[in-house]
Amino acid sequence: MHALVGESGCGKSVLAATLSGLLPPRTRVSGHVVIGRTDVTAALGYPRDPVWVPLRGRVVGTVPQSAATAFTPTRRIRRQIEETVAALGGLRTAEDLADACHLPRWALDAYPHELSGGLIGRAALAAALAGQPSVLVADEPTASLDRPLARTVLGLLRAQADSGVAVLLITHDLAALLDGVRDGRPLVEDLSVMYAGRLVEQGPASDVWAAPSHSYTRALLDALPRNGLREVPGTPPTLTDPDGPARFDDRLRGAS
């Protein structure tokens, strides 16, 4: 499992939308994106491009940042998951998916608004697994959850990774990552740190935790309660402002 961390607004969700083929129309794109053996660069910003048909849901499953948005509010969870399975040619039943995600079966017959944040998150994970994807992108799946519920959700993602699914966990909750030890090993194997739309550090999670090489990573770790809750200096850049400080060192100088 690979975690992507960074402050709110740094571009993590844009990356999730990129991998899921959900960038808004006519988005300006640079670089290349290859999913499996398919180069999807030309289709980025075109969510209805046919290239996404065999990929979205079948190769890449997505748990959106707001889990409730994965569902139509006026229809029961069961029917929506069953339709997703049928549309993607999946082989699992709604009950099977619910069991895999520790979602009580009674929740399948509820409407989205009748479920708590923890339950709707598990339902969204079940829907994301409907097409048996080999890649799972989870965008802030523990946002607004208390620590016990967050541990449950992260444990479910870890179980998917253990089953062979490549999981990208997008989060700003470093404390949950550090606390998430399962069976005596870290929750995630690899870690990337994003600042102002760019990856500033990446590597094995244990190495990054033990000896972060970038000043921004060190600042994020210093802000954890266990390390004294030291405030990250300065103001995060606005990515729509080309004249804003794009480097963390520039931000530090501006705050001094």
C-alpha atoms as a PDB file:
ATOM      1  CA  MET A   1       0.000   0.000   0.000  1.00  0.00           C
ATOM      2  CA  HIS A   2       1.279   3.443  -0.973  1.00  0.00           C
ATOM      3  CA  ALA A   3       0.291   6.589   0.915  1.00  0.00           C
ATOM      4  CA  LEU A   4       0.267  10.100  -0.532  1.00  0.00           C
ATOM      5  CA  VAL A   5       0.310  12.842   2.103  1.00  0.00           C
ATOM      6  CA  GLY A   6       0.273  16.618   2.103  1.00  0.00           C
ATOM      7  CA  GLU A   7      -1.715  19.619   3.267  1.00  0.00           C
ATOM      8  CA  SER A   8      -5.243  20.294   2.045  1.00  0.00           C
ATOM      9  CA  GLY A   9      -5.175  21.962  -1.357  1.00  0.00           C
ATOM     10  CA  CYS A  10      -1.766  20.654  -2.412  1.00  0.00           C
ATOM     11  CA  GLY A  11      -3.140  18.616  -5.332  1.00  0.00           C
ATOM     12  CA  LYS A  12      -3.731  15.155  -3.857  1.00  0.00           C
ATOM     13  CA  SER A  13      -7.340  14.922  -5.016  1.00  0.00           C
ATOM     14  CA  VAL A  14      -6.368  16.173  -8.472  1.00  0.00           C
ATOM     15  CA  LEU A  15      -4.032  13.194  -8.722  1.00  0.00           C
ATOM     16  CA  ALA A  16      -6.873  10.894  -7.634  1.00  0.00           C
ATOM     17  CA  ALA A  17      -9.122  12.357 -10.337  1.00  0.00           C
ATOM     18  CA  THR A  18      -6.324  11.905 -12.869  1.00  0.00           C
ATOM     19  CA  LEU A  19      -5.938   8.199 -12.135  1.00  0.00           C
ATOM     20  CA  SER A  20      -9.714   7.728 -12.170  1.00  0.00           C
ATOM     21  CA  GLY A  21     -10.255   9.547 -15.461  1.00  0.00           C
ATOM     22  CA  LEU A  22     -12.383  12.184 -13.772  1.00  0.00           C
ATOM     23  CA  LEU A  23     -10.494  15.385 -14.547  1.00  0.00           C
ATOM     24  CA  PRO A  24     -12.840  18.148 -15.742  1.00  0.00           C
ATOM     25  CA  PRO A  25     -13.162  18.651 -19.508  1.00  0.00           C
ATOM     26  CA  ARG A  26     -10.369  20.554 -21.251  1.00  0.00           C
ATOM     27  CA  THR A  27      -8.007  20.298 -18.298  1.00  0.00           C
ATOM     28  CA  ARG A  28      -4.479  21.345 -19.235  1.00  0.00           C
ATOM     29  CA  VAL A  29      -2.182  18.352 -18.758  1.00  0.00           C
ATOM     30  CA  SER A  30       1.571  17.817 -18.927  1.00  0.00           C
ATOM     31  CA  GLY A  31       3.559  14.612 -18.554  1.00  0.00           C
ATOM     32  CA  HIS A  32       2.287  11.079 -19.104  1.00  0.00           C
ATOM     33  CA  VAL A  33      -0.087   8.758 -17.268  1.00  0.00           C
ATOM     34  CA  VAL A  34       0.047   5.017 -17.940  1.00  0.00           C
ATOM     35  CA  ILE A  35      -2.420   2.653 -16.260  1.00  0.00           C
ATOM     36  CA  GLY A  36      -1.400  -0.957 -16.678  1.00  0.00           C
ATOM     37  CA  ARG A  37      -0.191  -0.956 -20.273  1.00  0.00           C
ATOM     38  CA  THR A  38      -2.550   1.783 -21.451  1.00  0.00           C
ATOM     39  CA  ASP A  39      -1.280   5.327 -21.998  1.00  0.00           C
ATOM     40  CA  VAL A  40      -4.271   7.491 -21.054  1.00  0.00           C
ATOM     41  CA  THR A  41      -2.548  10.871 -21.371  1.00  0.00           C
ATOM     42  CA  ALA A  42      -4.522  11.927 -24.457  1.00  0.00           C
ATOM     43  CA  ALA A  43      -7.802  11.067 -22.695  1.00  0.00           C
ATOM     44  CA  LEU A  44      -7.127  13.119 -19.559  1.00  0.00           C
ATOM     45  CA  GLY A  45      -9.753  15.829 -19.288  1.00  0.00           C
ATOM     46  CA  TYR A  46     -12.164  13.760 -21.368  1.00  0.00           C
ATOM     47  CA  PRO A  47     -14.050  11.602 -18.822  1.00  0.00           C
ATOM     48  CA  ARG A  48     -16.288  10.077 -21.517  1.00  0.00           C
ATOM     49  CA  ASP A  49     -13.428   9.015 -23.793  1.00  0.00           C
ATOM     50  CA  PRO A  50     -13.812   5.313 -24.748  1.00  0.00           C
ATOM     51  CA  VAL A  51     -10.315   4.579 -23.441  1.00  0.00           C
ATOM     52  CA  TRP A  52     -11.709   4.762 -19.898  1.00  0.00           C
ATOM     53  CA  VAL A  53     -14.420   2.119 -20.440  1.00  0.00           C
ATOM     54  CA  PRO A  54     -12.211  -0.936 -19.758  1.00  0.00           C
ATOM     55  CA  LEU A  55     -10.281   0.879 -17.028  1.00  0.00           C
ATOM     56  CA  ARG A  56     -12.643   2.813 -14.776  1.00  0.00           C
ATOM     57  CA  GLY A  57     -14.047   0.512 -12.117  1.00  0.00           C
ATOM     58  CA  ARG A  58     -12.513  -2.584 -13.711  1.00  0.00           C
ATOM     59  CA  VAL A  59      -8.828  -1.731 -13.360  1.00  0.00           C
ATOM     60  CA  VAL A  60      -9.005   1.375 -11.158  1.00  0.00           C
ATOM     61  CA  GLY A  61     -11.611   1.594  -8.407  1.00  0.00           C
ATOM     62  CA  THR A  62     -12.105   4.851  -6.538  1.00  0.00           C
ATOM     63  CA  VAL A  63     -13.361   5.721  -3.067  1.00  0.00           C
ATOM     64  CA  PRO A  64     -14.229   9.433  -3.350  1.00  0.00           C
ATOM     65  CA  GLN A  65     -13.277  11.981  -0.713  1.00  0.00           C
ATOM     66  CA  SER A  66     -16.915  12.431   0.280  1.00  0.00           C
ATOM     67  CA  ALA A  67     -18.152   8.852   0.401  1.00  0.00           C
ATOM     68  CA  ALA A  68     -21.816   9.856   0.246  1.00  0.00           C
ATOM     69  CA  THR A  69     -21.262  11.327  -3.231  1.00  0.00           C
ATOM     70  CA  ALA A  70     -20.669   7.795  -4.519  1.00  0.00           C
ATOM     71  CA  PHE A  71     -24.399   7.131  -4.210  1.00  0.00           C
ATOM     72  CA  THR A  72     -27.671   8.527  -5.526  1.00  0.00           C
ATOM     73  CA  PRO A  73     -29.483   9.782  -2.396  1.00  0.00           C
ATOM     74  CA  THR A  74     -32.947   8.507  -3.383  1.00  0.00           C
ATOM     75  CA  ARG A  75     -32.033   4.852  -3.958  1.00  0.00           C
ATOM     76  CA  ARG A  76     -31.054   2.085  -1.582  1.00  0.00           C
ATOM     77  CA  ILE A  77     -27.428   1.028  -1.263  1.00  0.00           C
ATOM     78  CA  ARG A  78     -28.077  -2.564  -2.341  1.00  0.00           C
ATOM     79  CA  ARG A  79     -29.605  -1.654  -5.690  1.00  0.00           C
ATOM     80  CA  GLN A  80     -26.796   0.764  -6.499  1.00  0.00           C
ATOM     81  CA  ILE A  81     -24.066  -1.755  -5.704  1.00  0.00           C
ATOM     82  CA  GLU A  82     -25.850  -4.480  -7.689  1.00  0.00           C
ATOM     83  CA  GLU A  83     -26.158  -2.189 -10.705  1.00  0.00           C
ATOM     84  CA  THR A  84     -22.481  -1.293 -10.441  1.00  0.00           C
ATOM     85  CA  VAL A  85     -21.510  -4.972 -10.348  1.00  0.00           C
ATOM     86  CA  ALA A  86     -23.670  -5.670 -13.407  1.00  0.00           C
ATOM     87  CA  ALA A  87     -22.354  -2.679 -15.351  1.00  0.00           C
ATOM     88  CA  LEU A  88     -18.744  -3.671 -14.701  1.00  0.00           C
ATOM     89  CA  GLY A  89     -19.229  -7.378 -15.270  1.00  0.00           C
ATOM     90  CA  GLY A  90     -18.260  -8.226 -11.713  1.00  0.00           C
ATOM     91  CA  LEU A  91     -18.819 -11.624 -10.157  1.00  0.00           C
ATOM     92  CA  ARG A  92     -19.406 -10.705  -6.505  1.00  0.00           C
ATOM     93  CA  THR A  93     -22.789 -10.201  -4.886  1.00  0.00           C
ATOM     94  CA  ALA A  94     -23.748  -7.153  -2.843  1.00  0.00           C
ATOM     95  CA  GLU A  95     -23.691  -9.349   0.274  1.00  0.00           C
ATOM     96  CA  ASP A  96     -20.199 -10.628  -0.547  1.00  0.00           C
ATOM     97  CA  LEU A  97     -18.905  -7.094  -1.013  1.00  0.00           C
ATOM     98  CA  ALA A  98     -20.596  -5.934   2.184  1.00  0.00           C
ATOM     99  CA  ASP A  99     -19.009  -8.784   4.149  1.00  0.00           C
ATOM    100  CA  ALA A 100     -15.569  -8.005   2.698  1.00  0.00           C
ATOM    101  CA  CYS A 101     -15.916  -4.397   3.850  1.00  0.00           C
ATOM    102  CA  HIS A 102     -17.408  -5.219   7.285  1.00  0.00           C
ATOM    103  CA  LEU A 103     -20.627  -3.488   6.266  1.00  0.00           C
ATOM    104  CA  PRO A 104     -23.650  -4.927   8.126  1.00  0.00           C
ATOM    105  CA  ARG A 105     -26.023  -6.505   5.633  1.00  0.00           C
ATOM    106  CA  TRP A 106     -28.947  -4.460   6.938  1.00  0.00           C
ATOM    107  CA  ALA A 107     -27.117  -1.363   5.667  1.00  0.00           C
ATOM    108  CA  LEU A 108     -27.573  -2.610   2.105  1.00  0.00           C
ATOM    109  CA  ASP A 109     -31.297  -1.896   2.410  1.00  0.00           C
ATOM    110  CA  ALA A 110     -30.773   1.622   3.764  1.00  0.00           C
ATOM    111  CA  TYR A 111     -30.685   4.909   1.921  1.00  0.00           C
ATOM    112  CA  PRO A 112     -27.344   6.757   1.942  1.00  0.00           C
ATOM    113  CA  HIS A 113     -28.547   9.432   4.381  1.00  0.00           C
ATOM    114  CA  GLU A 114     -29.535   6.751   6.886  1.00  0.00           C
ATOM    115  CA  LEU A 115     -25.938   5.566   7.334  1.00  0.00           C
ATOM    116  CA  SER A 116     -23.279   7.029   9.591  1.00  0.00           C
ATOM    117  CA  GLY A 117     -20.003   8.338   8.202  1.00  0.00           C
ATOM    118  CA  GLY A 118     -18.241   5.085   8.995  1.00  0.00           C
ATOM    119  CA  LEU A 119     -20.916   2.935   7.362  1.00  0.00           C
ATOM    120  CA  ILE A 120     -21.258   5.052   4.227  1.00  0.00           C
ATOM    121  CA  GLY A 121     -17.476   4.914   3.873  1.00  0.00           C
ATOM    122  CA  ARG A 122     -17.558   1.123   3.970  1.00  0.00           C
ATOM    123  CA  ALA A 123     -20.428   1.113   1.478  1.00  0.00           C
ATOM    124  CA  ALA A 124     -18.385   3.326  -0.861  1.00  0.00           C
ATOM    125  CA  LEU A 125     -15.472   0.903  -0.556  1.00  0.00           C
ATOM    126  CA  ALA A 126     -17.799  -1.991  -1.409  1.00  0.00           C
ATOM    127  CA  ALA A 127     -18.987  -0.122  -4.507  1.00  0.00           C
ATOM    128  CA  ALA A 128     -15.383   0.618  -5.516  1.00  0.00           C
ATOM    129  CA  LEU A 129     -14.600  -3.108  -5.380  1.00  0.00           C
ATOM    130  CA  ALA A 130     -17.624  -4.105  -7.483  1.00  0.00           C
ATOM    131  CA  GLY A 131     -15.581  -4.512 -10.669  1.00  0.00           C
ATOM    132  CA  GLN A 132     -12.740  -6.365  -8.914  1.00  0.00           C
ATOM    133  CA  PRO A 133     -10.154  -3.671  -9.744  1.00  0.00           C
ATOM    134  CA  SER A 134      -6.438  -4.294  -9.458  1.00  0.00           C
ATOM    135  CA  VAL A 135      -5.846  -0.691  -8.330  1.00  0.00           C
ATOM    136  CA  LEU A 136      -7.795   1.092  -5.593  1.00  0.00           C
ATOM    137  CA  VAL A 137      -7.556   4.859  -5.073  1.00  0.00           C
ATOM    138  CA  ALA A 138      -8.898   5.938  -1.670  1.00  0.00           C
ATOM    139  CA  ASP A 139      -9.155   9.730  -1.383  1.00  0.00           C
ATOM    140  CA  GLU A 140      -9.189  10.834   2.274  1.00  0.00           C
ATOM    141  CA  PRO A 141     -11.242   7.797   3.385  1.00  0.00           C
ATOM    142  CA  THR A 142     -10.835   8.655   7.083  1.00  0.00           C
ATOM    143  CA  ALA A 143     -11.828  12.328   6.864  1.00  0.00           C
ATOM    144  CA  SER A 144     -14.340  13.277   9.589  1.00  0.00           C
ATOM    145  CA  LEU A 145     -14.063   9.854  11.238  1.00  0.00           C
ATOM    146  CA  ASP A 146     -13.041   9.357  14.850  1.00  0.00           C
ATOM    147  CA  ARG A 147      -9.887   7.383  15.524  1.00  0.00           C
ATOM    148  CA  PRO A 148     -11.507   3.940  16.093  1.00  0.00           C
ATOM    149  CA  LEU A 149     -13.527   4.213  12.868  1.00  0.00           C
ATOM    150  CA  ALA A 150     -10.478   5.482  11.001  1.00  0.00           C
ATOM    151  CA  ARG A 151      -8.520   2.440  12.160  1.00  0.00           C
ATOM    152  CA  THR A 152     -11.305   0.186  10.895  1.00  0.00           C
ATOM    153  CA  VAL A 153     -11.328   1.784   7.445  1.00  0.00           C
ATOM    154  CA  LEU A 154      -7.545   1.724   7.181  1.00  0.00           C
ATOM    155  CA  GLY A 155      -7.559  -1.917   8.237  1.00  0.00           C
ATOM    156  CA  LEU A 156      -9.992  -2.704   5.417  1.00  0.00           C
ATOM    157  CA  LEU A 157      -7.700  -1.004   2.908  1.00  0.00           C
ATOM    158  CA  ARG A 158      -4.735  -2.913   4.304  1.00  0.00           C
ATOM    159  CA  ALA A 159      -6.676  -6.153   3.847  1.00  0.00           C
ATOM    160  CA  GLN A 160      -7.264  -5.280   0.193  1.00  0.00           C
ATOM    161  CA  ALA A 161      -3.548  -4.621  -0.249  1.00  0.00           C
ATOM    162  CA  ASP A 162      -2.768  -7.968   1.368  1.00  0.00           C
ATOM    163  CA  SER A 163      -5.098  -9.645  -1.145  1.00  0.00           C
ATOM    164  CA  GLY A 164      -3.058  -8.273  -4.054  1.00  0.00           C
ATOM    165  CA  VAL A 165      -4.809  -4.987  -4.838  1.00  0.00           C
ATOM    166  CA  ALA A 166      -2.495  -1.997  -5.349  1.00  0.00           C
ATOM    167  CA  VAL A 167      -3.865   0.617  -2.932  1.00  0.00           C
ATOM    168  CA  LEU A 168      -3.122   4.340  -3.140  1.00  0.00           C
ATOM    169  CA  LEU A 169      -4.170   5.932   0.147  1.00  0.00           C
ATOM    170  CA  ILE A 170      -4.494   9.714  -0.081  1.00  0.00           C
ATOM    171  CA  THR A 171      -4.545  11.404   3.308  1.00  0.00           C
ATOM    172  CA  HIS A 172      -3.364  14.331   5.386  1.00  0.00           C
ATOM    173  CA  ASP A 173      -3.636  12.269   8.591  1.00  0.00           C
ATOM    174  CA  LEU A 174      -0.052  11.282   9.265  1.00  0.00           C
ATOM    175  CA  ALA A 175      -0.901  10.289  12.829  1.00  0.00           C
ATOM    176  CA  ALA A 176      -3.254   7.583  11.547  1.00  0.00           C
ATOM    177  CA  LEU A 177      -0.523   6.231   9.277  1.00  0.00           C
ATOM    178  CA  LEU A 178       1.982   6.065  12.103  1.00  0.00           C
ATOM    179  CA  ASP A 179      -0.542   4.482  14.462  1.00  0.00           C
ATOM    180  CA  GLY A 180      -1.757   2.001  11.861  1.00  0.00           C
ATOM    181  CA  VAL A 181       0.378  -1.013  12.648  1.00  0.00           C
ATOM    182  CA  ARG A 182      -1.226  -4.313  11.634  1.00  0.00           C
ATOM    183  CA  ASP A 183       0.228  -7.694  12.560  1.00  0.00           C
ATOM    184  CA  GLY A 184       3.371  -5.986  13.779  1.00  0.00           C
ATOM    185  CA  ARG A 185       4.150  -4.122  10.554  1.00  0.00           C
ATOM    186  CA  PRO A 186       3.449  -0.601   9.263  1.00  0.00           C
ATOM    187  CA  LEU A 187       0.150   0.187   7.577  1.00  0.00           C
ATOM    188  CA  VAL A 188       1.833   1.365   4.360  1.00  0.00           C
ATOM    189  CA  GLU A 189       5.018   0.190   2.661  1.00  0.00           C
ATOM    190  CA  ASP A 190       5.690   3.295   0.597  1.00  0.00           C
ATOM    191  CA  LEU A 191       5.104   6.998   1.123  1.00  0.00           C
ATOM    192  CA  SER A 192       5.043  10.060  -1.128  1.00  0.00           C
ATOM    193  CA  VAL A 193       4.863  13.642   0.123  1.00  0.00           C
ATOM    194  CA  MET A 194       3.234  16.308  -2.051  1.00  0.00           C
ATOM    195  CA  TYR A 195       3.724  20.055  -1.795  1.00  0.00           C
ATOM    196  CA  ALA A 196       2.227  22.623  -4.191  1.00  0.00           C
ATOM    197  CA  GLY A 197       1.306  19.970  -6.738  1.00  0.00           C
ATOM    198  CA  ARG A 198       4.715  18.288  -6.798  1.00  0.00           C
ATOM    199  CA  LEU A 199       6.149  15.229  -5.106  1.00  0.00           C
ATOM    200  CA  VAL A 200       8.966  16.474  -2.906  1.00  0.00           C
ATOM    201  CA  GLU A 201       9.869  13.177  -1.244  1.00  0.00           C
ATOM    202  CA  GLN A 202       9.090   9.510  -1.719  1.00  0.00           C
ATOM    203  CA  GLY A 203      10.466   6.187  -0.593  1.00  0.00           C
ATOM    204  CA  PRO A 204       9.879   3.319   1.830  1.00  0.00           C
ATOM    205  CA  ALA A 205       7.618   4.659   4.575  1.00  0.00           C
ATOM    206  CA  SER A 206       9.898   3.469   7.366  1.00  0.00           C
ATOM    207  CA  ASP A 207      12.828   5.378   5.852  1.00  0.00           C
ATOM    208  CA  VAL A 208      10.822   8.574   5.386  1.00  0.00           C
ATOM    209  CA  TRP A 209       9.515   8.425   8.960  1.00  0.00           C
ATOM    210  CA  ALA A 210      12.961   7.762  10.407  1.00  0.00           C
ATOM    211  CA  ALA A 211      15.029  10.208   8.347  1.00  0.00           C
ATOM    212  CA  PRO A 212      12.975  12.633   6.232  1.00  0.00           C
ATOM    213  CA  SER A 213      15.148  14.407   3.688  1.00  0.00           C
ATOM    214  CA  HIS A 214      12.863  17.319   2.755  1.00  0.00           C
ATOM    215  CA  SER A 215      12.171  20.286   5.019  1.00  0.00           C
ATOM    216  CA  TYR A 216       8.436  20.050   4.314  1.00  0.00           C
ATOM    217  CA  THR A 217       8.274  16.410   5.407  1.00  0.00           C
ATOM    218  CA  ARG A 218      10.105  17.322   8.590  1.00  0.00           C
ATOM    219  CA  ALA A 219       7.645  20.165   9.211  1.00  0.00           C
ATOM    220  CA  LEU A 220       4.667  17.814   8.778  1.00  0.00           C
ATOM    221  CA  LEU A 221       6.138  15.355  11.261  1.00  0.00           C
ATOM    222  CA  ASP A 222       6.930  18.150  13.725  1.00  0.00           C
ATOM    223  CA  ALA A 223       3.249  19.159  13.617  1.00  0.00           C
ATOM    224  CA  LEU A 224       2.100  15.804  15.005  1.00  0.00           C
ATOM    225  CA  PRO A 225       0.853  15.744  18.631  1.00  0.00           C
ATOM    226  CA  ARG A 226       3.539  13.238  19.584  1.00  0.00           C
ATOM    227  CA  ASN A 227       6.192  15.695  18.355  1.00  0.00           C
ATOM    228  CA  GLY A 228       4.888  18.797  20.097  1.00  0.00           C
ATOM    229  CA  LEU A 229       2.235  20.137  17.684  1.00  0.00           C
ATOM    230  CA  ARG A 230       4.640  22.632  16.162  1.00  0.00           C
ATOM    231  CA  GLU A 231       2.825  24.760  13.603  1.00  0.00           C
ATOM    232  CA  VAL A 232       3.956  24.539   9.983  1.00  0.00           C
ATOM    233  CA  PRO A 233       5.296  28.044   9.273  1.00  0.00           C
ATOM    234  CA  GLY A 234       3.845  30.307   6.615  1.00  0.00           C
ATOM    235  CA  THR A 235       0.773  29.938   4.429  1.00  0.00           C
ATOM    236  CA  PRO A 236       0.161  27.134   1.907  1.00  0.00           C
ATOM    237  CA  PRO A 237       0.486  28.385  -1.675  1.00  0.00           C
ATOM    238  CA  THR A 238      -2.537  28.945  -3.865  1.00  0.00           C
ATOM    239  CA  LEU A 239      -2.002  26.695  -6.860  1.00  0.00           C
ATOM    240  CA  THR A 240      -3.973  29.046  -9.103  1.00  0.00           C
ATOM    241  CA  ASP A 241      -1.524  31.865  -8.348  1.00  0.00           C
ATOM    242  CA  PRO A 242       1.529  31.429 -10.594  1.00  0.00           C
ATOM    243  CA  ASP A 243       3.395  34.110  -8.651  1.00  0.00           C
ATOM    244  CA  GLY A 244       2.899  32.460  -5.278  1.00  0.00           C
ATOM    245  CA  PRO A 245       5.741  30.643  -3.470  1.00  0.00           C
ATOM    246  CA  ALA A 246       5.959  27.240  -5.121  1.00  0.00           C
ATOM    247  CA  ARG A 247       8.799  25.953  -2.936  1.00  0.00           C
ATOM    248  CA  PHE A 248       8.535  25.274   0.769  1.00  0.00           C
ATOM    249  CA  ASP A 249      11.835  27.040   1.449  1.00  0.00           C
ATOM    250  CA  ASP A 250      10.357  30.188  -0.118  1.00  0.00           C
ATOM    251  CA  ARG A 251       7.403  29.832   2.232  1.00  0.00           C
ATOM    252  CA  LEU A 252       9.726  29.527   5.206  1.00  0.00           C
ATOM    253  CA  ARG A 253      11.613  32.657   4.202  1.00  0.00           C
ATOM    254  CA  GLY A 254       8.346  34.536   3.795  1.00  0.00           C
ATOM    255  CA  ALA A 255       7.272  33.520   7.299  1.00  0.00           C
ATOM    256  CA  SER A 256      10.516  34.572   8.970  1.00  0.00           C
END
